[in-house]
Structure formats: structure tokens, C-alpha cells
Amino acid sequence: MKKIWLFLAVVAIVILSCDLERSNPLDPDNNGNIDVPSEIKIENITASGSGSASKWVEIEWNKSEDAAYYKVYRALDYNGTYSDLYPDGIPNTSDSTSYTYRDNNVYSGNYYWYRLAGRSAEGLIGPLSAPSGIGVQ
């Protein structure tokens, strides 16, 4: 009997708390117009050739209408810790339908993994893309 009363008390608390006003730190004005950008997909990834003196990895993706900026992350392992390569984000200002980012800070013999995310003008970062990797020779 005690368990039933406890269950009913918890249900009552949950139902009564639904009407409480809450302050969302991501939307303090409760305007409801802030959207998280959709997932960005890496379309192509290429690396400099083995005979190239300077090493680079280039990532290409399609423009997203709901992202004000693009975030680029890199790791040395598929499930590794991804570092933000462009903390301010790459502005989504081009009329082009695709974007590219060239990472010039790579070294021969390493395999690099990349992920992308859109960022809204308000600073909300969308879901990360699936990791895409490539080796640098």
C-alpha cells in the first residue's frame, strides 16, 4: 500500500510541475524562434598526395540554410576527442552551394577523423556529422 501512495505522490508532483514557468538559458525571452541547425553531412574528403611537399586535408559539404556558421572538429581516432579547428565558426555567407575547409596542420603518416556541425546565430550547435577519416601520406 505504501508503494501505491508513493507512486501517486510522484505522479501528482510531476503533473503539478508541468504548469510552472521555466527559464531556458538558451532562450531567456521564451520566444520559441531559436532553432538548432540540422545535421551537416561531409560530402567529400581528400588529402594531399604522397609527393606533395605541404600536407593538407580538405573537407567539402553542402550549404545549410539553417546554419549561420559551420564548426569543424578533428581527432586522431574515430572515437577520440575531437578538437574544434575553427572556434568562431566558418560564416555561412557564400552564395555557393558547397563549402570547403582545408586543414593545413596535418602530418604525413597520420590518419585524421573529421566531424562537422552547424551553429545558429544565437550560438546553438547542431548535431555532429558522422565521422569521416582519411590518411595523409
N, C-alpha and C. Protein backbone atom coordinates (compact mmCIF):
# COMPACT_ATOMS: atom_id res chain seq x y z
N MET A 1 0.81 -1.19 0.00
CA MET A 1 0.00 0.00 0.00
C MET A 1 0.86 1.26 0.00
N LYS A 2 1.99 1.17 0.72
CA LYS A 2 2.89 2.31 0.79
C LYS A 2 3.42 2.68 -0.59
N LYS A 3 3.72 1.67 -1.42
CA LYS A 3 4.26 1.91 -2.75
C LYS A 3 3.25 2.62 -3.64
N ILE A 4 1.99 2.29 -3.49
CA ILE A 4 0.95 2.95 -4.31
C ILE A 4 0.86 4.42 -3.95
N TRP A 5 0.87 4.75 -2.66
CA TRP A 5 0.81 6.16 -2.23
C TRP A 5 2.03 6.93 -2.70
N LEU A 6 3.17 6.30 -2.65
CA LEU A 6 4.40 6.95 -3.11
C LEU A 6 4.32 7.21 -4.62
N PHE A 7 3.84 6.23 -5.36
CA PHE A 7 3.69 6.38 -6.80
C PHE A 7 2.71 7.52 -7.12
N LEU A 8 1.57 7.57 -6.45
CA LEU A 8 0.58 8.62 -6.68
C LEU A 8 1.13 10.00 -6.32
N ALA A 9 1.94 10.08 -5.27
CA ALA A 9 2.54 11.36 -4.87
C ALA A 9 3.51 11.84 -5.96
N VAL A 10 4.31 10.94 -6.50
CA VAL A 10 5.25 11.31 -7.56
C VAL A 10 4.49 11.77 -8.80
N VAL A 11 3.45 11.06 -9.18
CA VAL A 11 2.64 11.44 -10.34
C VAL A 11 2.02 12.82 -10.12
N ALA A 12 1.51 13.08 -8.94
CA ALA A 12 0.90 14.38 -8.64
C ALA A 12 1.93 15.50 -8.75
N ILE A 13 3.13 15.27 -8.24
CA ILE A 13 4.18 16.29 -8.31
C ILE A 13 4.55 16.58 -9.75
N VAL A 14 4.67 15.55 -10.56
CA VAL A 14 5.02 15.73 -11.97
C VAL A 14 3.92 16.51 -12.69
N ILE A 15 2.67 16.14 -12.47
CA ILE A 15 1.56 16.82 -13.15
C ILE A 15 1.46 18.27 -12.72
N LEU A 16 1.60 18.55 -11.44
CA LEU A 16 1.51 19.93 -10.95
C LEU A 16 2.68 20.80 -11.41
N SER A 17 3.84 20.19 -11.61
CA SER A 17 5.01 20.98 -12.02
C SER A 17 4.98 21.32 -13.50
N CYS A 18 4.09 20.72 -14.26
CA CYS A 18 4.02 21.00 -15.70
C CYS A 18 3.59 22.43 -15.99
N ASP A 19 2.86 23.06 -15.09
CA ASP A 19 2.40 24.42 -15.31
C ASP A 19 3.38 25.48 -14.84
N LEU A 20 4.48 25.08 -14.23
CA LEU A 20 5.45 26.04 -13.75
C LEU A 20 6.17 26.72 -14.91
N GLU A 21 6.41 28.02 -14.78
CA GLU A 21 7.18 28.72 -15.81
C GLU A 21 8.65 28.41 -15.60
N ARG A 22 9.33 28.20 -16.69
CA ARG A 22 10.75 27.88 -16.63
C ARG A 22 11.52 28.88 -17.45
N SER A 23 12.74 29.10 -17.08
CA SER A 23 13.62 29.98 -17.84
C SER A 23 14.63 29.13 -18.59
N ASN A 24 14.62 29.22 -19.89
CA ASN A 24 15.55 28.48 -20.73
C ASN A 24 16.78 29.36 -20.95
N PRO A 25 17.95 28.97 -20.49
CA PRO A 25 19.14 29.82 -20.67
C PRO A 25 19.50 30.01 -22.14
N LEU A 26 19.06 29.10 -23.02
CA LEU A 26 19.33 29.26 -24.44
C LEU A 26 18.29 30.14 -25.12
N ASP A 27 17.17 30.36 -24.46
CA ASP A 27 16.10 31.19 -24.99
C ASP A 27 15.45 31.96 -23.83
N PRO A 28 16.18 32.89 -23.19
CA PRO A 28 15.68 33.56 -21.98
C PRO A 28 14.41 34.37 -22.21
N ASP A 29 14.15 34.78 -23.46
CA ASP A 29 12.95 35.56 -23.75
C ASP A 29 11.75 34.68 -24.08
N ASN A 30 11.96 33.37 -24.05
CA ASN A 30 10.90 32.40 -24.36
C ASN A 30 10.19 32.73 -25.67
N ASN A 31 11.00 33.11 -26.67
CA ASN A 31 10.38 33.47 -27.94
C ASN A 31 10.12 32.27 -28.84
N GLY A 32 10.74 31.14 -28.56
CA GLY A 32 10.46 29.93 -29.32
C GLY A 32 10.93 29.97 -30.76
N ASN A 33 11.64 31.00 -31.14
CA ASN A 33 12.08 31.13 -32.54
C ASN A 33 13.52 30.70 -32.75
N ILE A 34 14.15 30.16 -31.74
CA ILE A 34 15.53 29.74 -31.88
C ILE A 34 15.55 28.26 -32.27
N ASP A 35 16.10 27.99 -33.43
CA ASP A 35 16.16 26.62 -33.92
C ASP A 35 17.59 26.12 -33.93
N VAL A 36 17.77 24.88 -33.60
CA VAL A 36 19.07 24.24 -33.67
C VAL A 36 19.30 23.84 -35.13
N PRO A 37 20.47 24.15 -35.70
CA PRO A 37 20.73 23.78 -37.09
C PRO A 37 20.66 22.27 -37.31
N SER A 38 20.27 21.89 -38.51
CA SER A 38 20.20 20.48 -38.84
C SER A 38 21.61 19.91 -39.04
N GLU A 39 21.69 18.59 -39.12
CA GLU A 39 22.98 17.92 -39.26
C GLU A 39 23.62 18.25 -40.60
N ILE A 40 24.93 18.49 -40.58
CA ILE A 40 25.72 18.76 -41.78
C ILE A 40 26.40 17.45 -42.16
N LYS A 41 26.38 17.11 -43.42
CA LYS A 41 27.00 15.87 -43.88
C LYS A 41 28.26 16.17 -44.67
N ILE A 42 29.36 15.49 -44.34
CA ILE A 42 30.59 15.63 -45.11
C ILE A 42 30.37 14.93 -46.45
N GLU A 43 30.50 15.67 -47.53
CA GLU A 43 30.26 15.12 -48.86
C GLU A 43 31.52 14.52 -49.48
N ASN A 44 32.67 15.14 -49.20
CA ASN A 44 33.91 14.68 -49.80
C ASN A 44 35.08 15.04 -48.88
N ILE A 45 36.06 14.16 -48.83
CA ILE A 45 37.27 14.43 -48.06
C ILE A 45 38.46 13.95 -48.89
N THR A 46 39.46 14.82 -49.05
CA THR A 46 40.65 14.49 -49.83
C THR A 46 41.89 14.93 -49.06
N ALA A 47 43.01 14.31 -49.41
CA ALA A 47 44.28 14.65 -48.77
C ALA A 47 45.33 14.88 -49.84
N SER A 48 46.37 15.62 -49.47
CA SER A 48 47.49 15.85 -50.37
C SER A 48 48.12 14.51 -50.73
N GLY A 49 48.74 14.44 -51.89
CA GLY A 49 49.37 13.21 -52.34
C GLY A 49 50.70 12.95 -51.66
N SER A 50 51.23 11.77 -51.87
CA SER A 50 52.47 11.37 -51.21
C SER A 50 53.67 12.19 -51.68
N GLY A 51 53.63 12.74 -52.88
CA GLY A 51 54.75 13.53 -53.38
C GLY A 51 54.66 15.00 -53.04
N SER A 52 53.59 15.40 -52.39
CA SER A 52 53.37 16.81 -52.06
C SER A 52 54.26 17.26 -50.91
N ALA A 53 54.89 18.43 -51.08
CA ALA A 53 55.77 18.97 -50.03
C ALA A 53 54.95 19.45 -48.83
N SER A 54 53.83 20.12 -49.08
CA SER A 54 52.97 20.57 -47.98
C SER A 54 51.80 19.61 -47.86
N LYS A 55 51.46 19.28 -46.65
CA LYS A 55 50.41 18.30 -46.38
C LYS A 55 49.12 19.02 -45.98
N TRP A 56 47.99 18.51 -46.44
CA TRP A 56 46.70 19.09 -46.13
C TRP A 56 45.59 18.04 -46.28
N VAL A 57 44.47 18.34 -45.63
CA VAL A 57 43.23 17.58 -45.79
C VAL A 57 42.15 18.60 -46.11
N GLU A 58 41.35 18.31 -47.11
CA GLU A 58 40.27 19.22 -47.49
C GLU A 58 38.93 18.51 -47.34
N ILE A 59 38.00 19.20 -46.69
CA ILE A 59 36.66 18.67 -46.41
C ILE A 59 35.67 19.52 -47.19
N GLU A 60 34.69 18.86 -47.79
CA GLU A 60 33.66 19.57 -48.54
C GLU A 60 32.28 19.14 -48.04
N TRP A 61 31.36 20.12 -47.93
CA TRP A 61 29.99 19.85 -47.51
C TRP A 61 29.05 20.80 -48.23
N ASN A 62 27.77 20.46 -48.22
CA ASN A 62 26.76 21.30 -48.85
C ASN A 62 26.27 22.38 -47.91
N LYS A 63 25.91 23.51 -48.48
CA LYS A 63 25.40 24.64 -47.72
C LYS A 63 24.13 24.25 -46.96
N SER A 64 24.00 24.76 -45.76
CA SER A 64 22.81 24.54 -44.93
C SER A 64 22.13 25.90 -44.73
N GLU A 65 20.86 25.98 -45.04
CA GLU A 65 20.13 27.24 -44.90
C GLU A 65 19.89 27.63 -43.45
N ASP A 66 19.89 26.66 -42.54
CA ASP A 66 19.57 26.99 -41.15
C ASP A 66 20.80 27.13 -40.25
N ALA A 67 21.99 27.15 -40.84
CA ALA A 67 23.23 27.35 -40.06
C ALA A 67 23.81 28.72 -40.40
N ALA A 68 24.14 29.48 -39.38
CA ALA A 68 24.81 30.77 -39.60
C ALA A 68 26.32 30.58 -39.71
N TYR A 69 26.82 29.52 -39.09
CA TYR A 69 28.25 29.20 -39.10
C TYR A 69 28.40 27.68 -39.20
N TYR A 70 29.62 27.26 -39.55
CA TYR A 70 29.96 25.85 -39.59
C TYR A 70 31.12 25.60 -38.63
N LYS A 71 31.02 24.52 -37.87
CA LYS A 71 32.08 24.13 -36.94
C LYS A 71 32.78 22.90 -37.52
N VAL A 72 34.11 22.88 -37.44
CA VAL A 72 34.91 21.76 -37.95
C VAL A 72 35.70 21.18 -36.78
N TYR A 73 35.59 19.87 -36.59
CA TYR A 73 36.26 19.18 -35.50
C TYR A 73 37.16 18.08 -36.07
N ARG A 74 38.29 17.82 -35.39
CA ARG A 74 39.24 16.80 -35.85
C ARG A 74 39.74 15.98 -34.67
N ALA A 75 39.97 14.67 -34.95
CA ALA A 75 40.54 13.76 -33.95
C ALA A 75 41.49 12.80 -34.66
N LEU A 76 42.32 12.14 -33.88
CA LEU A 76 43.24 11.14 -34.43
C LEU A 76 42.65 9.73 -34.38
N ASP A 77 41.53 9.56 -33.69
CA ASP A 77 40.84 8.28 -33.60
C ASP A 77 39.36 8.50 -33.87
N TYR A 78 38.72 7.48 -34.43
CA TYR A 78 37.29 7.55 -34.73
C TYR A 78 36.49 7.99 -33.50
N ASN A 79 36.75 7.36 -32.37
CA ASN A 79 36.04 7.69 -31.14
C ASN A 79 36.87 8.58 -30.22
N GLY A 80 37.87 9.25 -30.77
CA GLY A 80 38.75 10.09 -29.97
C GLY A 80 38.10 11.40 -29.57
N THR A 81 38.89 12.23 -28.91
CA THR A 81 38.45 13.56 -28.52
C THR A 81 38.63 14.49 -29.70
N TYR A 82 37.55 15.08 -30.16
CA TYR A 82 37.58 15.96 -31.32
C TYR A 82 37.86 17.40 -30.89
N SER A 83 38.86 18.01 -31.53
CA SER A 83 39.22 19.40 -31.26
C SER A 83 38.52 20.31 -32.24
N ASP A 84 38.11 21.46 -31.75
CA ASP A 84 37.46 22.48 -32.59
C ASP A 84 38.54 23.22 -33.37
N LEU A 85 38.55 23.07 -34.68
CA LEU A 85 39.60 23.68 -35.50
C LEU A 85 39.34 25.14 -35.82
N TYR A 86 38.12 25.58 -35.70
CA TYR A 86 37.76 26.96 -36.05
C TYR A 86 36.75 27.44 -35.01
N PRO A 87 37.23 27.85 -33.82
CA PRO A 87 36.34 28.15 -32.69
C PRO A 87 35.22 29.16 -32.98
N ASP A 88 35.49 30.15 -33.80
CA ASP A 88 34.44 31.14 -34.11
C ASP A 88 33.44 30.61 -35.13
N GLY A 89 33.79 29.56 -35.82
CA GLY A 89 32.93 29.02 -36.86
C GLY A 89 33.19 29.68 -38.20
N ILE A 90 32.97 28.94 -39.25
CA ILE A 90 33.12 29.46 -40.61
C ILE A 90 31.79 30.09 -40.99
N PRO A 91 31.77 31.40 -41.29
CA PRO A 91 30.50 32.06 -41.60
C PRO A 91 29.83 31.47 -42.84
N ASN A 92 28.53 31.31 -42.76
CA ASN A 92 27.72 30.83 -43.87
C ASN A 92 27.26 32.05 -44.67
N THR A 93 28.18 32.63 -45.41
CA THR A 93 27.87 33.86 -46.14
C THR A 93 28.01 33.72 -47.65
N SER A 94 28.52 32.62 -48.11
CA SER A 94 28.76 32.42 -49.53
C SER A 94 27.47 32.11 -50.27
N ASP A 95 27.41 32.53 -51.53
CA ASP A 95 26.27 32.18 -52.39
C ASP A 95 26.45 30.79 -52.98
N SER A 96 27.60 30.22 -52.78
CA SER A 96 27.90 28.90 -53.31
C SER A 96 27.02 27.85 -52.64
N THR A 97 26.81 26.74 -53.32
CA THR A 97 26.01 25.66 -52.75
C THR A 97 26.85 24.70 -51.92
N SER A 98 28.19 24.86 -51.97
CA SER A 98 29.05 23.98 -51.17
C SER A 98 30.16 24.79 -50.51
N TYR A 99 30.69 24.21 -49.45
CA TYR A 99 31.78 24.83 -48.70
C TYR A 99 32.94 23.86 -48.60
N THR A 100 34.14 24.41 -48.46
CA THR A 100 35.31 23.58 -48.21
C THR A 100 36.13 24.19 -47.08
N TYR A 101 36.81 23.32 -46.38
CA TYR A 101 37.76 23.74 -45.35
C TYR A 101 39.03 22.94 -45.56
N ARG A 102 40.16 23.65 -45.62
CA ARG A 102 41.45 22.99 -45.79
C ARG A 102 42.22 23.04 -44.48
N ASP A 103 42.53 21.88 -43.96
CA ASP A 103 43.31 21.74 -42.74
C ASP A 103 44.77 21.57 -43.14
N ASN A 104 45.57 22.60 -42.92
CA ASN A 104 46.99 22.57 -43.28
C ASN A 104 47.89 22.10 -42.14
N ASN A 105 47.30 21.79 -41.01
CA ASN A 105 48.07 21.39 -39.84
C ASN A 105 48.01 19.87 -39.66
N VAL A 106 48.40 19.14 -40.71
CA VAL A 106 48.41 17.68 -40.68
C VAL A 106 49.80 17.18 -41.05
N TYR A 107 50.06 15.93 -40.68
CA TYR A 107 51.39 15.38 -40.90
C TYR A 107 51.32 14.02 -41.58
N SER A 108 52.30 13.76 -42.38
CA SER A 108 52.41 12.50 -43.12
C SER A 108 52.44 11.33 -42.14
N GLY A 109 51.74 10.26 -42.50
CA GLY A 109 51.73 9.06 -41.68
C GLY A 109 50.60 9.01 -40.67
N ASN A 110 49.82 10.06 -40.55
CA ASN A 110 48.71 10.08 -39.60
C ASN A 110 47.38 9.90 -40.32
N TYR A 111 46.42 9.36 -39.60
CA TYR A 111 45.05 9.23 -40.09
C TYR A 111 44.21 10.21 -39.28
N TYR A 112 43.43 11.05 -39.95
CA TYR A 112 42.65 12.09 -39.29
C TYR A 112 41.16 11.84 -39.49
N TRP A 113 40.39 12.11 -38.44
CA TRP A 113 38.94 11.99 -38.47
C TRP A 113 38.33 13.36 -38.30
N TYR A 114 37.28 13.65 -39.07
CA TYR A 114 36.63 14.96 -39.05
C TYR A 114 35.13 14.82 -38.83
N ARG A 115 34.58 15.82 -38.16
CA ARG A 115 33.13 15.94 -37.97
C ARG A 115 32.74 17.39 -38.17
N LEU A 116 31.53 17.63 -38.62
CA LEU A 116 31.03 18.98 -38.84
C LEU A 116 29.76 19.19 -38.01
N ALA A 117 29.47 20.46 -37.74
CA ALA A 117 28.20 20.82 -37.10
C ALA A 117 27.84 22.23 -37.55
N GLY A 118 26.55 22.48 -37.65
CA GLY A 118 26.08 23.83 -37.91
C GLY A 118 25.94 24.57 -36.59
N ARG A 119 26.09 25.89 -36.65
CA ARG A 119 25.90 26.72 -35.45
C ARG A 119 24.94 27.84 -35.80
N SER A 120 23.95 28.08 -34.96
CA SER A 120 23.00 29.15 -35.20
C SER A 120 23.62 30.49 -34.83
N ALA A 121 22.98 31.57 -35.24
CA ALA A 121 23.45 32.92 -34.89
C ALA A 121 23.43 33.12 -33.38
N GLU A 122 22.54 32.40 -32.68
CA GLU A 122 22.44 32.51 -31.23
C GLU A 122 23.47 31.66 -30.50
N GLY A 123 24.22 30.85 -31.25
CA GLY A 123 25.27 30.04 -30.65
C GLY A 123 24.93 28.59 -30.40
N LEU A 124 23.73 28.15 -30.80
CA LEU A 124 23.36 26.75 -30.61
C LEU A 124 24.04 25.90 -31.67
N ILE A 125 24.69 24.84 -31.23
CA ILE A 125 25.40 23.95 -32.15
C ILE A 125 24.54 22.73 -32.40
N GLY A 126 24.35 22.44 -33.69
CA GLY A 126 23.53 21.30 -34.10
C GLY A 126 24.25 19.98 -33.90
N PRO A 127 23.61 18.90 -34.31
CA PRO A 127 24.22 17.58 -34.14
C PRO A 127 25.48 17.42 -34.98
N LEU A 128 26.41 16.65 -34.47
CA LEU A 128 27.65 16.38 -35.20
C LEU A 128 27.39 15.41 -36.34
N SER A 129 28.11 15.63 -37.42
CA SER A 129 28.03 14.70 -38.55
C SER A 129 28.68 13.38 -38.17
N ALA A 130 28.44 12.40 -38.98
CA ALA A 130 29.16 11.12 -38.81
C ALA A 130 30.64 11.38 -39.08
N PRO A 131 31.53 10.70 -38.38
CA PRO A 131 32.96 10.91 -38.62
C PRO A 131 33.36 10.45 -40.03
N SER A 132 34.23 11.23 -40.66
CA SER A 132 34.85 10.86 -41.94
C SER A 132 36.36 10.95 -41.75
N GLY A 133 37.06 9.94 -42.19
CA GLY A 133 38.50 9.92 -41.98
C GLY A 133 39.29 9.72 -43.25
N ILE A 134 40.56 10.10 -43.17
CA ILE A 134 41.47 9.96 -44.30
C ILE A 134 42.91 9.93 -43.78
N GLY A 135 43.75 9.17 -44.45
CA GLY A 135 45.16 9.13 -44.10
C GLY A 135 45.95 10.11 -44.94
N VAL A 136 46.99 10.66 -44.35
CA VAL A 136 47.87 11.60 -45.03
C VAL A 136 49.18 10.87 -45.31
N GLN A 137 49.61 10.88 -46.57
CA GLN A 137 50.85 10.19 -46.95
C GLN A 137 51.99 11.16 -47.06
